[in-house]
Amino acid sequence: MMHQFIYQLKLIPTLLNEENWTEKENECVTRHFQRLQQLVEEGKVILAGRTLTMDEKAFGIVILEVTSEEEAREIMETDPTVEERVMTAELFPYRVALMRK
């Protein structure tokens, strides 16, 4: 049986100022995006995106469909931006109720 989860990503406060970004953070976000693309191809990511603001309210989300909470947590915790502490993440059980075709 498949289960859905959502994880919310937030930039660490110092990175809300774009002047604080280095090549390290940019490269990390590139790997994050590539990994999400791979998870889409594997059928594990339903949707991923972010707000277009760069303030304390800014966030990204990843909606997963996987076999267990453990699998969802592993995906979240091994996200390059989480592993490298560019972003913090929080996991929630979730259910997509409506989706445009």
PDB file of N, CA and C in Angstrom:
ATOM      1  N   MET A   1       0.835  -1.186   0.000  1.00  0.00           N
ATOM      2  CA  MET A   1       0.000   0.000   0.000  1.00  0.00           C
ATOM      3  C   MET A   1       0.879   1.249   0.000  1.00  0.00           C
ATOM      4  N   MET A   2       0.510   2.210  -0.814  1.00  0.00           N
ATOM      5  CA  MET A   2       1.282   3.454  -0.908  1.00  0.00           C
ATOM      6  C   MET A   2       0.697   4.497   0.043  1.00  0.00           C
ATOM      7  N   HIS A   3       1.588   5.337   0.584  1.00  0.00           N
ATOM      8  CA  HIS A   3       1.204   6.402   1.506  1.00  0.00           C
ATOM      9  C   HIS A   3       1.779   7.716   0.992  1.00  0.00           C
ATOM     10  N   GLN A   4       1.088   8.787   1.300  1.00  0.00           N
ATOM     11  CA  GLN A   4       1.554  10.103   0.881  1.00  0.00           C
ATOM     12  C   GLN A   4       2.064  10.888   2.082  1.00  0.00           C
ATOM     13  N   PHE A   5       3.087  11.678   1.817  1.00  0.00           N
ATOM     14  CA  PHE A   5       3.709  12.540   2.823  1.00  0.00           C
ATOM     15  C   PHE A   5       4.099  13.836   2.152  1.00  0.00           C
ATOM     16  N   ILE A   6       4.202  14.868   2.957  1.00  0.00           N
ATOM     17  CA  ILE A   6       4.699  16.153   2.471  1.00  0.00           C
ATOM     18  C   ILE A   6       5.829  16.579   3.387  1.00  0.00           C
ATOM     19  N   TYR A   7       6.905  17.079   2.792  1.00  0.00           N
ATOM     20  CA  TYR A   7       7.893  17.710   3.655  1.00  0.00           C
ATOM     21  C   TYR A   7       8.094  19.146   3.226  1.00  0.00           C
ATOM     22  N   GLN A   8       8.208  19.981   4.261  1.00  0.00           N
ATOM     23  CA  GLN A   8       8.386  21.405   4.069  1.00  0.00           C
ATOM     24  C   GLN A   8       9.855  21.736   4.281  1.00  0.00           C
ATOM     25  N   LEU A   9      10.397  22.518   3.381  1.00  0.00           N
ATOM     26  CA  LEU A   9      11.792  22.955   3.443  1.00  0.00           C
ATOM     27  C   LEU A   9      11.844  24.449   3.689  1.00  0.00           C
ATOM     28  N   LYS A  10      12.774  24.859   4.552  1.00  0.00           N
ATOM     29  CA  LYS A  10      12.993  26.286   4.806  1.00  0.00           C
ATOM     30  C   LYS A  10      14.492  26.557   4.779  1.00  0.00           C
ATOM     31  N   LEU A  11      14.869  27.621   4.084  1.00  0.00           N
ATOM     32  CA  LEU A  11      16.271  28.028   4.080  1.00  0.00           C
ATOM     33  C   LEU A  11      16.706  28.397   5.494  1.00  0.00           C
ATOM     34  N   ILE A  12      17.963  28.125   5.799  1.00  0.00           N
ATOM     35  CA  ILE A  12      18.476  28.603   7.078  1.00  0.00           C
ATOM     36  C   ILE A  12      18.473  30.141   7.018  1.00  0.00           C
ATOM     37  N   PRO A  13      18.267  30.800   8.147  1.00  0.00           N
ATOM     38  CA  PRO A  13      18.085  32.265   8.134  1.00  0.00           C
ATOM     39  C   PRO A  13      19.173  33.056   7.418  1.00  0.00           C
ATOM     40  N   THR A  14      20.433  32.672   7.552  1.00  0.00           N
ATOM     41  CA  THR A  14      21.493  33.459   6.908  1.00  0.00           C
ATOM     42  C   THR A  14      21.394  33.440   5.385  1.00  0.00           C
ATOM     43  N   LEU A  15      20.753  32.420   4.814  1.00  0.00           N
ATOM     44  CA  LEU A  15      20.658  32.321   3.352  1.00  0.00           C
ATOM     45  C   LEU A  15      19.451  33.057   2.788  1.00  0.00           C
ATOM     46  N   LEU A  16      18.644  33.659   3.654  1.00  0.00           N
ATOM     47  CA  LEU A  16      17.548  34.498   3.162  1.00  0.00           C
ATOM     48  C   LEU A  16      18.088  35.751   2.488  1.00  0.00           C
ATOM     49  N   ASN A  17      19.324  36.111   2.805  1.00  0.00           N
ATOM     50  CA  ASN A  17      20.015  37.214   2.144  1.00  0.00           C
ATOM     51  C   ASN A  17      20.859  36.606   1.023  1.00  0.00           C
ATOM     52  N   GLU A  18      20.491  36.892  -0.212  1.00  0.00           N
ATOM     53  CA  GLU A  18      21.167  36.279  -1.362  1.00  0.00           C
ATOM     54  C   GLU A  18      22.659  36.595  -1.414  1.00  0.00           C
ATOM     55  N   GLU A  19      23.097  37.654  -0.770  1.00  0.00           N
ATOM     56  CA  GLU A  19      24.522  37.998  -0.745  1.00  0.00           C
ATOM     57  C   GLU A  19      25.339  36.962   0.020  1.00  0.00           C
ATOM     58  N   ASN A  20      24.679  36.155   0.863  1.00  0.00           N
ATOM     59  CA  ASN A  20      25.381  35.143   1.663  1.00  0.00           C
ATOM     60  C   ASN A  20      25.551  33.813   0.926  1.00  0.00           C
ATOM     61  N   TRP A  21      24.960  33.692  -0.257  1.00  0.00           N
ATOM     62  CA  TRP A  21      25.073  32.451  -1.017  1.00  0.00           C
ATOM     63  C   TRP A  21      26.470  32.335  -1.624  1.00  0.00           C
ATOM     64  N   THR A  22      27.007  31.110  -1.573  1.00  0.00           N
ATOM     65  CA  THR A  22      28.291  30.822  -2.203  1.00  0.00           C
ATOM     66  C   THR A  22      28.065  29.746  -3.259  1.00  0.00           C
ATOM     67  N   GLU A  23      29.119  29.398  -3.950  1.00  0.00           N
ATOM     68  CA  GLU A  23      29.040  28.318  -4.939  1.00  0.00           C
ATOM     69  C   GLU A  23      28.606  27.013  -4.272  1.00  0.00           C
ATOM     70  N   LYS A  24      29.004  26.810  -3.023  1.00  0.00           N
ATOM     71  CA  LYS A  24      28.626  25.592  -2.295  1.00  0.00           C
ATOM     72  C   LYS A  24      27.115  25.449  -2.197  1.00  0.00           C
ATOM     73  N   GLU A  25      26.424  26.505  -1.798  1.00  0.00           N
ATOM     74  CA  GLU A  25      24.967  26.447  -1.680  1.00  0.00           C
ATOM     75  C   GLU A  25      24.305  26.279  -3.048  1.00  0.00           C
ATOM     76  N   ASN A  26      24.808  26.989  -4.040  1.00  0.00           N
ATOM     77  CA  ASN A  26      24.243  26.855  -5.387  1.00  0.00           C
ATOM     78  C   ASN A  26      24.386  25.433  -5.918  1.00  0.00           C
ATOM     79  N   GLU A  27      25.544  24.836  -5.704  1.00  0.00           N
ATOM     80  CA  GLU A  27      25.786  23.464  -6.161  1.00  0.00           C
ATOM     81  C   GLU A  27      24.892  22.491  -5.403  1.00  0.00           C
ATOM     82  N   CYS A  28      24.702  22.720  -4.129  1.00  0.00           N
ATOM     83  CA  CYS A  28      23.853  21.864  -3.303  1.00  0.00           C
ATOM     84  C   CYS A  28      22.405  21.900  -3.792  1.00  0.00           C
ATOM     85  N   VAL A  29      21.908  23.086  -4.111  1.00  0.00           N
ATOM     86  CA  VAL A  29      20.544  23.225  -4.606  1.00  0.00           C
ATOM     87  C   VAL A  29      20.397  22.562  -5.983  1.00  0.00           C
ATOM     88  N   THR A  30      21.432  22.620  -6.795  1.00  0.00           N
ATOM     89  CA  THR A  30      21.400  21.932  -8.087  1.00  0.00           C
ATOM     90  C   THR A  30      21.271  20.421  -7.888  1.00  0.00           C
ATOM     91  N   ARG A  31      22.044  19.860  -6.944  1.00  0.00           N
ATOM     92  CA  ARG A  31      21.945  18.422  -6.652  1.00  0.00           C
ATOM     93  C   ARG A  31      20.575  18.068  -6.076  1.00  0.00           C
ATOM     94  N   HIS A  32      20.026  18.942  -5.244  1.00  0.00           N
ATOM     95  CA  HIS A  32      18.680  18.775  -4.682  1.00  0.00           C
ATOM     96  C   HIS A  32      17.662  18.655  -5.822  1.00  0.00           C
ATOM     97  N   PHE A  33      17.732  19.567  -6.791  1.00  0.00           N
ATOM     98  CA  PHE A  33      16.800  19.562  -7.913  1.00  0.00           C
ATOM     99  C   PHE A  33      16.967  18.302  -8.764  1.00  0.00           C
ATOM    100  N   GLN A  34      18.198  17.919  -9.034  1.00  0.00           N
ATOM    101  CA  GLN A  34      18.453  16.710  -9.824  1.00  0.00           C
ATOM    102  C   GLN A  34      17.913  15.468  -9.120  1.00  0.00           C
ATOM    103  N   ARG A  35      18.072  15.413  -7.825  1.00  0.00           N
ATOM    104  CA  ARG A  35      17.551  14.278  -7.052  1.00  0.00           C
ATOM    105  C   ARG A  35      16.032  14.239  -7.107  1.00  0.00           C
ATOM    106  N   LEU A  36      15.393  15.394  -6.977  1.00  0.00           N
ATOM    107  CA  LEU A  36      13.928  15.429  -7.075  1.00  0.00           C
ATOM    108  C   LEU A  36      13.468  14.981  -8.463  1.00  0.00           C
ATOM    109  N   GLN A  37      14.186  15.375  -9.505  1.00  0.00           N
ATOM    110  CA  GLN A  37      13.853  14.915 -10.860  1.00  0.00           C
ATOM    111  C   GLN A  37      13.926  13.392 -10.935  1.00  0.00           C
ATOM    112  N   GLN A  38      14.956  12.797 -10.340  1.00  0.00           N
ATOM    113  CA  GLN A  38      15.104  11.340 -10.327  1.00  0.00           C
ATOM    114  C   GLN A  38      13.931  10.696  -9.585  1.00  0.00           C
ATOM    115  N   LEU A  39      13.534  11.276  -8.448  1.00  0.00           N
ATOM    116  CA  LEU A  39      12.418  10.728  -7.668  1.00  0.00           C
ATOM    117  C   LEU A  39      11.088  10.866  -8.411  1.00  0.00           C
ATOM    118  N   VAL A  40      10.942  11.897  -9.233  1.00  0.00           N
ATOM    119  CA  VAL A  40       9.755  12.016 -10.086  1.00  0.00           C
ATOM    120  C   VAL A  40       9.740  10.851 -11.078  1.00  0.00           C
ATOM    121  N   GLU A  41      10.879  10.592 -11.704  1.00  0.00           N
ATOM    122  CA  GLU A  41      10.976   9.500 -12.675  1.00  0.00           C
ATOM    123  C   GLU A  41      10.692   8.147 -12.031  1.00  0.00           C
ATOM    124  N   GLU A  42      11.047   7.986 -10.748  1.00  0.00           N
ATOM    125  CA  GLU A  42      10.798   6.742 -10.019  1.00  0.00           C
ATOM    126  C   GLU A  42       9.361   6.647  -9.513  1.00  0.00           C
ATOM    127  N   GLY A  43       8.579   7.711  -9.701  1.00  0.00           N
ATOM    128  CA  GLY A  43       7.193   7.713  -9.257  1.00  0.00           C
ATOM    129  C   GLY A  43       7.009   7.999  -7.776  1.00  0.00           C
ATOM    130  N   LYS A  44       8.036   8.518  -7.125  1.00  0.00           N
ATOM    131  CA  LYS A  44       7.957   8.781  -5.681  1.00  0.00           C
ATOM    132  C   LYS A  44       7.585  10.225  -5.355  1.00  0.00           C
ATOM    133  N   VAL A  45       7.895  11.159  -6.239  1.00  0.00           N
ATOM    134  CA  VAL A  45       7.522  12.554  -6.027  1.00  0.00           C
ATOM    135  C   VAL A  45       6.322  12.871  -6.899  1.00  0.00           C
ATOM    136  N   ILE A  46       5.263  13.358  -6.246  1.00  0.00           N
ATOM    137  CA  ILE A  46       4.062  13.802  -6.949  1.00  0.00           C
ATOM    138  C   ILE A  46       4.245  15.242  -7.409  1.00  0.00           C
ATOM    139  N   LEU A  47       4.818  16.066  -6.527  1.00  0.00           N
ATOM    140  CA  LEU A  47       4.943  17.489  -6.790  1.00  0.00           C
ATOM    141  C   LEU A  47       6.058  18.056  -5.933  1.00  0.00           C
ATOM    142  N   ALA A  48       6.760  19.031  -6.455  1.00  0.00           N
ATOM    143  CA  ALA A  48       7.767  19.761  -5.677  1.00  0.00           C
ATOM    144  C   ALA A  48       7.757  21.201  -6.162  1.00  0.00           C
ATOM    145  N   GLY A  49       7.948  22.123  -5.237  1.00  0.00           N
ATOM    146  CA  GLY A  49       7.973  23.530  -5.618  1.00  0.00           C
ATOM    147  C   GLY A  49       8.324  24.407  -4.441  1.00  0.00           C
ATOM    148  N   ARG A  50       8.332  25.712  -4.705  1.00  0.00           N
ATOM    149  CA  ARG A  50       8.725  26.667  -3.671  1.00  0.00           C
ATOM    150  C   ARG A  50       7.986  27.976  -3.865  1.00  0.00           C
ATOM    151  N   THR A  51       7.942  28.741  -2.780  1.00  0.00           N
ATOM    152  CA  THR A  51       7.424  30.093  -2.881  1.00  0.00           C
ATOM    153  C   THR A  51       8.467  30.944  -3.601  1.00  0.00           C
ATOM    154  N   LEU A  52       8.053  32.052  -4.135  1.00  0.00           N
ATOM    155  CA  LEU A  52       8.972  32.910  -4.885  1.00  0.00           C
ATOM    156  C   LEU A  52       9.471  34.090  -4.063  1.00  0.00           C
ATOM    157  N   THR A  53       9.322  33.988  -2.766  1.00  0.00           N
ATOM    158  CA  THR A  53       9.796  35.038  -1.876  1.00  0.00           C
ATOM    159  C   THR A  53      11.115  34.626  -1.243  1.00  0.00           C
ATOM    160  N   MET A  54      11.855  35.603  -0.773  1.00  0.00           N
ATOM    161  CA  MET A  54      13.112  35.340  -0.063  1.00  0.00           C
ATOM    162  C   MET A  54      13.037  36.043   1.281  1.00  0.00           C
ATOM    163  N   ASP A  55      12.081  35.621   2.106  1.00  0.00           N
ATOM    164  CA  ASP A  55      11.964  36.180   3.445  1.00  0.00           C
ATOM    165  C   ASP A  55      11.701  35.042   4.420  1.00  0.00           C
ATOM    166  N   GLU A  56      11.468  35.363   5.678  1.00  0.00           N
ATOM    167  CA  GLU A  56      11.300  34.333   6.706  1.00  0.00           C
ATOM    168  C   GLU A  56      10.062  33.461   6.490  1.00  0.00           C
ATOM    169  N   LYS A  57       9.153  33.874   5.629  1.00  0.00           N
ATOM    170  CA  LYS A  57       7.958  33.066   5.345  1.00  0.00           C
ATOM    171  C   LYS A  57       8.165  32.127   4.153  1.00  0.00           C
ATOM    172  N   ALA A  58       9.258  32.241   3.460  1.00  0.00           N
ATOM    173  CA  ALA A  58       9.531  31.436   2.269  1.00  0.00           C
ATOM    174  C   ALA A  58       9.679  29.955   2.628  1.00  0.00           C
ATOM    175  N   PHE A  59       9.215  29.084   1.738  1.00  0.00           N
ATOM    176  CA  PHE A  59       9.350  27.648   1.969  1.00  0.00           C
ATOM    177  C   PHE A  59       9.211  26.899   0.659  1.00  0.00           C
ATOM    178  N   GLY A  60       9.647  25.651   0.691  1.00  0.00           N
ATOM    179  CA  GLY A  60       9.440  24.731  -0.413  1.00  0.00           C
ATOM    180  C   GLY A  60       8.696  23.519   0.110  1.00  0.00           C
ATOM    181  N   ILE A  61       8.082  22.772  -0.809  1.00  0.00           N
ATOM    182  CA  ILE A  61       7.409  21.533  -0.423  1.00  0.00           C
ATOM    183  C   ILE A  61       7.758  20.425  -1.401  1.00  0.00           C
ATOM    184  N   VAL A  62       7.726  19.218  -0.884  1.00  0.00           N
ATOM    185  CA  VAL A  62       7.862  18.022  -1.701  1.00  0.00           C
ATOM    186  C   VAL A  62       6.749  17.076  -1.251  1.00  0.00           C
ATOM    187  N   ILE A  63       5.893  16.670  -2.191  1.00  0.00           N
ATOM    188  CA  ILE A  63       4.840  15.707  -1.884  1.00  0.00           C
ATOM    189  C   ILE A  63       5.276  14.360  -2.430  1.00  0.00           C
ATOM    190  N   LEU A  64       5.322  13.384  -1.530  1.00  0.00           N
ATOM    191  CA  LEU A  64       5.815  12.043  -1.856  1.00  0.00           C
ATOM    192  C   LEU A  64       4.680  11.020  -1.844  1.00  0.00           C
ATOM    193  N   GLU A  65       4.850   9.972  -2.622  1.00  0.00           N
ATOM    194  CA  GLU A  65       4.011   8.781  -2.537  1.00  0.00           C
ATOM    195  C   GLU A  65       4.966   7.590  -2.465  1.00  0.00           C
ATOM    196  N   VAL A  66       5.030   7.008  -1.258  1.00  0.00           N
ATOM    197  CA  VAL A  66       6.002   5.952  -0.981  1.00  0.00           C
ATOM    198  C   VAL A  66       5.355   4.859  -0.145  1.00  0.00           C
ATOM    199  N   THR A  67       6.114   3.813   0.148  1.00  0.00           N
ATOM    200  CA  THR A  67       5.552   2.665   0.864  1.00  0.00           C
ATOM    201  C   THR A  67       5.435   2.851   2.366  1.00  0.00           C
ATOM    202  N   SER A  68       6.220   3.782   2.955  1.00  0.00           N
ATOM    203  CA  SER A  68       6.204   3.906   4.411  1.00  0.00           C
ATOM    204  C   SER A  68       6.707   5.275   4.851  1.00  0.00           C
ATOM    205  N   GLU A  69       6.419   5.600   6.117  1.00  0.00           N
ATOM    206  CA  GLU A  69       6.946   6.833   6.695  1.00  0.00           C
ATOM    207  C   GLU A  69       8.467   6.770   6.769  1.00  0.00           C
ATOM    208  N   GLU A  70       9.007   5.603   7.015  1.00  0.00           N
ATOM    209  CA  GLU A  70      10.461   5.452   7.075  1.00  0.00           C
ATOM    210  C   GLU A  70      11.099   5.811   5.739  1.00  0.00           C
ATOM    211  N   GLU A  71      10.479   5.369   4.648  1.00  0.00           N
ATOM    212  CA  GLU A  71      11.015   5.705   3.330  1.00  0.00           C
ATOM    213  C   GLU A  71      10.918   7.207   3.080  1.00  0.00           C
ATOM    214  N   ALA A  72       9.795   7.799   3.451  1.00  0.00           N
ATOM    215  CA  ALA A  72       9.626   9.248   3.289  1.00  0.00           C
ATOM    216  C   ALA A  72      10.669  10.004   4.098  1.00  0.00           C
ATOM    217  N   ARG A  73      10.862   9.592   5.343  1.00  0.00           N
ATOM    218  CA  ARG A  73      11.833  10.255   6.223  1.00  0.00           C
ATOM    219  C   ARG A  73      13.253  10.113   5.655  1.00  0.00           C
ATOM    220  N   GLU A  74      13.571   8.946   5.129  1.00  0.00           N
ATOM    221  CA  GLU A  74      14.904   8.743   4.542  1.00  0.00           C
ATOM    222  C   GLU A  74      15.116   9.657   3.336  1.00  0.00           C
ATOM    223  N   ILE A  75      14.096   9.775   2.490  1.00  0.00           N
ATOM    224  CA  ILE A  75      14.195  10.664   1.329  1.00  0.00           C
ATOM    225  C   ILE A  75      14.434  12.094   1.793  1.00  0.00           C
ATOM    226  N   MET A  76      13.648  12.534   2.787  1.00  0.00           N
ATOM    227  CA  MET A  76      13.781  13.896   3.297  1.00  0.00           C
ATOM    228  C   MET A  76      15.167  14.118   3.916  1.00  0.00           C
ATOM    229  N   GLU A  77      15.586  13.208   4.769  1.00  0.00           N
ATOM    230  CA  GLU A  77      16.852  13.397   5.494  1.00  0.00           C
ATOM    231  C   GLU A  77      18.077  13.286   4.598  1.00  0.00           C
ATOM    232  N   THR A  78      17.952  12.606   3.464  1.00  0.00           N
ATOM    233  CA  THR A  78      19.086  12.501   2.545  1.00  0.00           C
ATOM    234  C   THR A  78      19.006  13.512   1.400  1.00  0.00           C
ATOM    235  N   ASP A  79      18.031  14.400   1.463  1.00  0.00           N
ATOM    236  CA  ASP A  79      17.972  15.514   0.521  1.00  0.00           C
ATOM    237  C   ASP A  79      19.267  16.300   0.705  1.00  0.00           C
ATOM    238  N   PRO A  80      20.002  16.589  -0.366  1.00  0.00           N
ATOM    239  CA  PRO A  80      21.277  17.297  -0.212  1.00  0.00           C
ATOM    240  C   PRO A  80      21.170  18.602   0.574  1.00  0.00           C
ATOM    241  N   THR A  81      20.098  19.338   0.391  1.00  0.00           N
ATOM    242  CA  THR A  81      19.972  20.615   1.111  1.00  0.00           C
ATOM    243  C   THR A  81      19.757  20.413   2.603  1.00  0.00           C
ATOM    244  N   VAL A  82      19.184  19.281   2.979  1.00  0.00           N
ATOM    245  CA  VAL A  82      18.988  18.972   4.395  1.00  0.00           C
ATOM    246  C   VAL A  82      20.289  18.424   4.982  1.00  0.00           C
ATOM    247  N   GLU A  83      20.901  17.488   4.272  1.00  0.00           N
ATOM    248  CA  GLU A  83      22.165  16.908   4.748  1.00  0.00           C
ATOM    249  C   GLU A  83      23.239  17.974   4.959  1.00  0.00           C
ATOM    250  N   GLU A  84      23.284  18.941   4.062  1.00  0.00           N
ATOM    251  CA  GLU A  84      24.330  19.965   4.134  1.00  0.00           C
ATOM    252  C   GLU A  84      23.882  21.206   4.898  1.00  0.00           C
ATOM    253  N   ARG A  85      22.735  21.112   5.541  1.00  0.00           N
ATOM    254  CA  ARG A  85      22.208  22.171   6.405  1.00  0.00           C
ATOM    255  C   ARG A  85      22.012  23.509   5.698  1.00  0.00           C
ATOM    256  N   VAL A  86      21.652  23.438   4.418  1.00  0.00           N
ATOM    257  CA  VAL A  86      21.258  24.629   3.673  1.00  0.00           C
ATOM    258  C   VAL A  86      19.791  24.935   3.988  1.00  0.00           C
ATOM    259  N   MET A  87      19.035  23.878   4.236  1.00  0.00           N
ATOM    260  CA  MET A  87      17.623  24.000   4.581  1.00  0.00           C
ATOM    261  C   MET A  87      17.299  23.081   5.753  1.00  0.00           C
ATOM    262  N   THR A  88      16.246  23.439   6.458  1.00  0.00           N
ATOM    263  CA  THR A  88      15.682  22.551   7.466  1.00  0.00           C
ATOM    264  C   THR A  88      14.432  21.926   6.854  1.00  0.00           C
ATOM    265  N   ALA A  89      14.021  20.775   7.381  1.00  0.00           N
ATOM    266  CA  ALA A  89      12.866  20.089   6.811  1.00  0.00           C
ATOM    267  C   ALA A  89      12.011  19.480   7.905  1.00  0.00           C
ATOM    268  N   GLU A  90      10.714  19.401   7.612  1.00  0.00           N
ATOM    269  CA  GLU A  90       9.763  18.796   8.537  1.00  0.00           C
ATOM    270  C   GLU A  90       8.794  17.942   7.725  1.00  0.00           C
ATOM    271  N   LEU A  91       8.559  16.720   8.195  1.00  0.00           N
ATOM    272  CA  LEU A  91       7.732  15.737   7.482  1.00  0.00           C
ATOM    273  C   LEU A  91       6.345  15.630   8.113  1.00  0.00           C
ATOM    274  N   PHE A  92       5.332  15.491   7.260  1.00  0.00           N
ATOM    275  CA  PHE A  92       3.956  15.335   7.710  1.00  0.00           C
ATOM    276  C   PHE A  92       3.260  14.253   6.890  1.00  0.00           C
ATOM    277  N   PRO A  93       2.391  13.436   7.505  1.00  0.00           N
ATOM    278  CA  PRO A  93       1.511  12.579   6.718  1.00  0.00           C
ATOM    279  C   PRO A  93       0.610  13.500   5.891  1.00  0.00           C
ATOM    280  N   TYR A  94       0.231  13.059   4.716  1.00  0.00           N
ATOM    281  CA  TYR A  94      -0.491  13.942   3.797  1.00  0.00           C
ATOM    282  C   TYR A  94      -1.381  13.108   2.892  1.00  0.00           C
ATOM    283  N   ARG A  95      -2.400  13.740   2.340  1.00  0.00           N
ATOM    284  CA  ARG A  95      -3.210  13.082   1.319  1.00  0.00           C
ATOM    285  C   ARG A  95      -3.634  14.117   0.297  1.00  0.00           C
ATOM    286  N   VAL A  96      -3.317  13.865  -0.945  1.00  0.00           N
ATOM    287  CA  VAL A  96      -3.784  14.734  -2.031  1.00  0.00           C
ATOM    288  C   VAL A  96      -5.280  14.465  -2.182  1.00  0.00           C
ATOM    289  N   ALA A  97      -6.084  15.516  -2.095  1.00  0.00           N
ATOM    290  CA  ALA A  97      -7.534  15.374  -2.221  1.00  0.00           C
ATOM    291  C   ALA A  97      -7.998  15.672  -3.644  1.00  0.00           C
ATOM    292  N   LEU A  98      -7.406  16.670  -4.270  1.00  0.00           N
ATOM    293  CA  LEU A  98      -7.763  17.050  -5.637  1.00  0.00           C
ATOM    294  C   LEU A  98      -6.494  17.358  -6.404  1.00  0.00           C
ATOM    295  N   MET A  99      -6.495  17.009  -7.679  1.00  0.00           N
ATOM    296  CA  MET A  99      -5.339  17.319  -8.505  1.00  0.00           C
ATOM    297  C   MET A  99      -5.813  17.501  -9.941  1.00  0.00           C
ATOM    298  N   ARG A 100      -5.364  18.554 -10.545  1.00  0.00           N
ATOM    299  CA  ARG A 100      -5.704  18.810 -11.951  1.00  0.00           C
ATOM    300  C   ARG A 100      -5.028  17.769 -12.824  1.00  0.00           C
ATOM    301  N   LYS A 101      -5.697  17.308 -13.839  1.00  0.00           N
ATOM    302  CA  LYS A 101      -5.109  16.300 -14.730  1.00  0.00           C
ATOM    303  C   LYS A 101      -4.188  16.917 -15.731  1.00  0.00           C
TER     304      LYS A 101
END
